[in-house]
């Protein structure tokens, strides 16, 4: 019986040693998990900082987008105005040229009439004196 008790005590010591070894391994694993957790906390902090930076960048991009939309609207208005001016200016130019042509014809008729009244030689003589 003593031998059985000794064998049981030896087995108990071996089991306790193994449990101690397993406990040490668990302590090491816990330490590793703590290190990983610390690194994850650092990563979370960096991600939070990056989120702030991305927020600022997003705001600036939105402001830029709004500025471009405003510029685009202004350019569209300018294009519309220029198209309207181009369309009406051709019509206006043609009507001005027709009016000038009509005025020139009228003046030529008036000059012809007046030159008959005063005589063509007076017309030429007047022109030479003015030059």
C-alpha atoms as a PDB file:
ATOM      1  CA  UNK A   1       0.000   0.000   0.000  1.00  0.00           C
ATOM      2  CA  UNK A   2       2.854   2.332   0.746  1.00  0.00           C
ATOM      3  CA  UNK A   3       4.108   1.850  -2.721  1.00  0.00           C
ATOM      4  CA  UNK A   4       0.701   2.689  -4.104  1.00  0.00           C
ATOM      5  CA  UNK A   5       0.647   5.867  -2.012  1.00  0.00           C
ATOM      6  CA  UNK A   6       4.119   6.789  -3.148  1.00  0.00           C
ATOM      7  CA  UNK A   7       3.126   6.115  -6.754  1.00  0.00           C
ATOM      8  CA  UNK A   8       0.019   8.267  -6.313  1.00  0.00           C
ATOM      9  CA  UNK A   9       2.099  11.039  -4.715  1.00  0.00           C
ATOM     10  CA  UNK A  10       4.566  10.869  -7.569  1.00  0.00           C
ATOM     11  CA  UNK A  11       1.742  11.014 -10.081  1.00  0.00           C
ATOM     12  CA  UNK A  12       0.292  13.951  -8.141  1.00  0.00           C
ATOM     13  CA  UNK A  13       3.649  15.790  -8.265  1.00  0.00           C
ATOM     14  CA  UNK A  14       3.954  15.088 -11.969  1.00  0.00           C
ATOM     15  CA  UNK A  15       0.415  16.317 -12.521  1.00  0.00           C
ATOM     16  CA  UNK A  16       1.072  19.413 -10.428  1.00  0.00           C
ATOM     17  CA  UNK A  17       4.271  20.062 -12.407  1.00  0.00           C
ATOM     18  CA  UNK A  18       2.365  19.675 -15.647  1.00  0.00           C
ATOM     19  CA  UNK A  19      -0.413  21.948 -14.375  1.00  0.00           C
ATOM     20  CA  UNK A  20       2.234  24.493 -13.364  1.00  0.00           C
ATOM     21  CA  UNK A  21       3.755  24.257 -16.840  1.00  0.00           C
ATOM     22  CA  UNK A  22       0.323  24.652 -18.418  1.00  0.00           C
ATOM     23  CA  UNK A  23      -0.354  27.618 -16.104  1.00  0.00           C
ATOM     24  CA  UNK A  24       2.946  29.199 -17.164  1.00  0.00           C
ATOM     25  CA  UNK A  25       1.990  28.705 -20.803  1.00  0.00           C
ATOM     26  CA  UNK A  26      -1.391  30.313 -20.132  1.00  0.00           C
ATOM     27  CA  UNK A  27       0.356  33.230 -18.442  1.00  0.00           C
ATOM     28  CA  UNK A  28       2.576  33.629 -21.522  1.00  0.00           C
ATOM     29  CA  UNK A  29      -0.466  33.422 -23.794  1.00  0.00           C
ATOM     30  CA  UNK A  30      -2.224  36.031 -21.628  1.00  0.00           C
ATOM     31  CA  UNK A  31       0.834  38.280 -21.910  1.00  0.00           C
ATOM     32  CA  UNK A  32       0.816  37.876 -25.675  1.00  0.00           C
ATOM     33  CA  UNK A  33      -2.894  38.674 -25.807  1.00  0.00           C
ATOM     34  CA  UNK A  34      -2.232  41.769 -23.694  1.00  0.00           C
ATOM     35  CA  UNK A  35       0.467  42.860 -26.161  1.00  0.00           C
ATOM     36  CA  UNK A  36      -1.865  42.234 -29.094  1.00  0.00           C
ATOM     37  CA  UNK A  37      -4.618  44.165 -27.313  1.00  0.00           C
ATOM     38  CA  UNK A  38      -2.258  47.112 -26.736  1.00  0.00           C
ATOM     39  CA  UNK A  39      -1.325  47.078 -30.400  1.00  0.00           C
ATOM     40  CA  UNK A  40      -5.000  46.974 -31.373  1.00  0.00           C
ATOM     41  CA  UNK A  41      -5.654  49.972 -29.114  1.00  0.00           C
ATOM     42  CA  UNK A  42      -2.815  51.826 -30.854  1.00  0.00           C
ATOM     43  CA  UNK A  43      -4.250  50.880 -34.243  1.00  0.00           C
ATOM     44  CA  UNK A  44      -7.685  52.103 -33.146  1.00  0.00           C
ATOM     45  CA  UNK A  45      -6.162  55.421 -32.050  1.00  0.00           C
ATOM     46  CA  UNK A  46      -4.396  55.820 -35.380  1.00  0.00           C
ATOM     47  CA  UNK A  47      -7.591  54.956 -37.243  1.00  0.00           C
ATOM     48  CA  UNK A  48      -9.461  57.572 -35.205  1.00  0.00           C
ATOM     49  CA  UNK A  49      -6.804  60.161 -36.145  1.00  0.00           C
ATOM     50  CA  UNK A  50      -7.065  59.132 -39.794  1.00  0.00           C
ATOM     51  CA  UNK A  51     -10.850  59.428 -39.624  1.00  0.00           C
ATOM     52  CA  UNK A  52     -10.424  63.038 -38.465  1.00  0.00           C
ATOM     53  CA  UNK A  53      -8.060  63.731 -41.352  1.00  0.00           C
ATOM     54  CA  UNK A  54     -10.411  62.080 -43.823  1.00  0.00           C
ATOM     55  CA  UNK A  55     -13.248  64.163 -42.422  1.00  0.00           C
ATOM     56  CA  UNK A  56     -11.284  67.342 -43.111  1.00  0.00           C
ATOM     57  CA  UNK A  57     -10.393  66.101 -46.602  1.00  0.00           C
ATOM     58  CA  UNK A  58     -14.037  65.222 -47.279  1.00  0.00           C
ATOM     59  CA  UNK A  59     -15.127  68.726 -46.231  1.00  0.00           C
ATOM     60  CA  UNK A  60     -12.524  70.319 -48.493  1.00  0.00           C
ATOM     61  CA  UNK A  61     -13.547  68.081 -51.398  1.00  0.00           C
ATOM     62  CA  UNK A  62     -17.184  69.038 -50.854  1.00  0.00           C
ATOM     63  CA  UNK A  63     -16.239  72.739 -50.820  1.00  0.00           C
ATOM     64  CA  UNK A  64     -14.253  72.242 -54.023  1.00  0.00           C
ATOM     65  CA  UNK A  65     -17.191  70.444 -55.608  1.00  0.00           C
ATOM     66  CA  UNK A  66     -19.522  73.302 -54.689  1.00  0.00           C
ATOM     67  CA  UNK A  67     -17.040  75.836 -56.088  1.00  0.00           C
ATOM     68  CA  UNK A  68     -16.820  73.903 -59.354  1.00  0.00           C
ATOM     69  CA  UNK A  69     -20.598  73.695 -59.550  1.00  0.00           C
ATOM     70  CA  UNK A  70     -20.798  77.488 -59.111  1.00  0.00           C
ATOM     71  CA  UNK A  71     -18.150  78.038 -61.758  1.00  0.00           C
ATOM     72  CA  UNK A  72     -19.932  75.612 -64.082  1.00  0.00           C
ATOM     73  CA  UNK A  73     -23.193  77.534 -63.651  1.00  0.00           C
ATOM     74  CA  UNK A  74     -21.432  80.818 -64.384  1.00  0.00           C
ATOM     75  CA  UNK A  75     -19.813  79.350 -67.500  1.00  0.00           C
ATOM     76  CA  UNK A  76     -23.182  78.035 -68.669  1.00  0.00           C
ATOM     77  CA  UNK A  77     -24.732  81.491 -68.194  1.00  0.00           C
ATOM     78  CA  UNK A  78     -21.821  83.112 -70.066  1.00  0.00           C
ATOM     79  CA  UNK A  79     -22.159  80.604 -72.912  1.00  0.00           C
ATOM     80  CA  UNK A  80     -25.893  81.278 -73.157  1.00  0.00           C
ATOM     81  CA  UNK A  81     -25.273  85.032 -73.187  1.00  0.00           C
ATOM     82  CA  UNK A  82     -22.558  84.755 -75.816  1.00  0.00           C
ATOM     83  CA  UNK A  83     -24.757  82.579 -78.009  1.00  0.00           C
ATOM     84  CA  UNK A  84     -27.576  85.095 -77.707  1.00  0.00           C
ATOM     85  CA  UNK A  85     -25.192  87.968 -78.507  1.00  0.00           C
ATOM     86  CA  UNK A  86     -23.752  86.108 -81.488  1.00  0.00           C
ATOM     87  CA  UNK A  87     -27.201  85.379 -82.839  1.00  0.00           C
ATOM     88  CA  UNK A  88     -28.509  88.927 -82.399  1.00  0.00           C
ATOM     89  CA  UNK A  89     -25.277  90.646 -83.403  1.00  0.00           C
ATOM     90  CA  UNK A  90     -25.399  89.089 -86.858  1.00  0.00           C
ATOM     91  CA  UNK A  91     -28.954  90.310 -87.285  1.00  0.00           C
ATOM     92  CA  UNK A  92     -28.029  93.728 -85.861  1.00  0.00           C
ATOM     93  CA  UNK A  93     -24.968  94.014 -88.094  1.00  0.00           C
ATOM     94  CA  UNK A  94     -26.992  93.184 -91.177  1.00  0.00           C
ATOM     95  CA  UNK A  95     -29.674  95.725 -90.243  1.00  0.00           C
ATOM     96  CA  UNK A  96     -27.025  98.412 -89.507  1.00  0.00           C
ATOM     97  CA  UNK A  97     -25.351  97.762 -92.860  1.00  0.00           C
ATOM     98  CA  UNK A  98     -28.717  97.996 -94.634  1.00  0.00           C
ATOM     99  CA  UNK A  99     -29.434 101.282 -92.857  1.00  0.00           C
ATOM    100  CA  UNK A 100     -25.990 102.653 -93.802  1.00  0.00           C
ATOM    101  CA  UNK A 101     -26.569 101.582 -97.412  1.00  0.00           C
ATOM    102  CA  UNK A 102     -29.982 103.266 -97.451  1.00  0.00           C
ATOM    103  CA  UNK A 103     -28.553 106.457 -95.874  1.00  0.00           C
ATOM    104  CA  UNK A 104     -25.742 106.485 -98.442  1.00  0.00           C
ATOM    105  CA  UNK A 105     -28.222 106.129-101.293  1.00  0.00           C
ATOM    106  CA  UNK A 106     -30.340 108.935 -99.832  1.00  0.00           C
ATOM    107  CA  UNK A 107     -27.316 111.226 -99.444  1.00  0.00           C
ATOM    108  CA  UNK A 108     -26.224 110.512-103.020  1.00  0.00           C
ATOM    109  CA  UNK A 109     -29.702 111.464-104.233  1.00  0.00           C
ATOM    110  CA  UNK A 110     -29.586 114.657-102.149  1.00  0.00           C
ATOM    111  CA  UNK A 111     -26.135 115.532-103.486  1.00  0.00           C
ATOM    112  CA  UNK A 112     -27.276 114.934-107.051  1.00  0.00           C
ATOM    113  CA  UNK A 113     -30.275 117.189-106.511  1.00  0.00           C
ATOM    114  CA  UNK A 114     -28.225 119.924-104.834  1.00  0.00           C
ATOM    115  CA  UNK A 115     -25.505 119.737-107.479  1.00  0.00           C
ATOM    116  CA  UNK A 116     -28.139 120.321-110.142  1.00  0.00           C
ATOM    117  CA  UNK A 117     -29.422 123.307-108.230  1.00  0.00           C
ATOM    118  CA  UNK A 118     -25.989 124.878-107.637  1.00  0.00           C
ATOM    119  CA  UNK A 119     -24.250 123.401-110.632  1.00  0.00           C
ATOM    120  CA  UNK A 120     -21.769 120.549-110.712  1.00  0.00           C
ATOM    121  CA  UNK A 121     -18.859 122.917-111.254  1.00  0.00           C
ATOM    122  CA  UNK A 122     -19.675 124.587-107.879  1.00  0.00           C
ATOM    123  CA  UNK A 123     -19.641 121.157-106.218  1.00  0.00           C
ATOM    124  CA  UNK A 124     -16.196 120.328-107.597  1.00  0.00           C
ATOM    125  CA  UNK A 125     -14.864 123.784-106.783  1.00  0.00           C
ATOM    126  CA  UNK A 126     -16.111 123.499-103.192  1.00  0.00           C
ATOM    127  CA  UNK A 127     -14.458 120.091-102.835  1.00  0.00           C
ATOM    128  CA  UNK A 128     -11.086 121.453-104.054  1.00  0.00           C
ATOM    129  CA  UNK A 129     -11.236 124.390-101.627  1.00  0.00           C
ATOM    130  CA  UNK A 130     -11.969 122.099 -98.661  1.00  0.00           C
ATOM    131  CA  UNK A 131      -9.024 119.797 -99.376  1.00  0.00           C
END
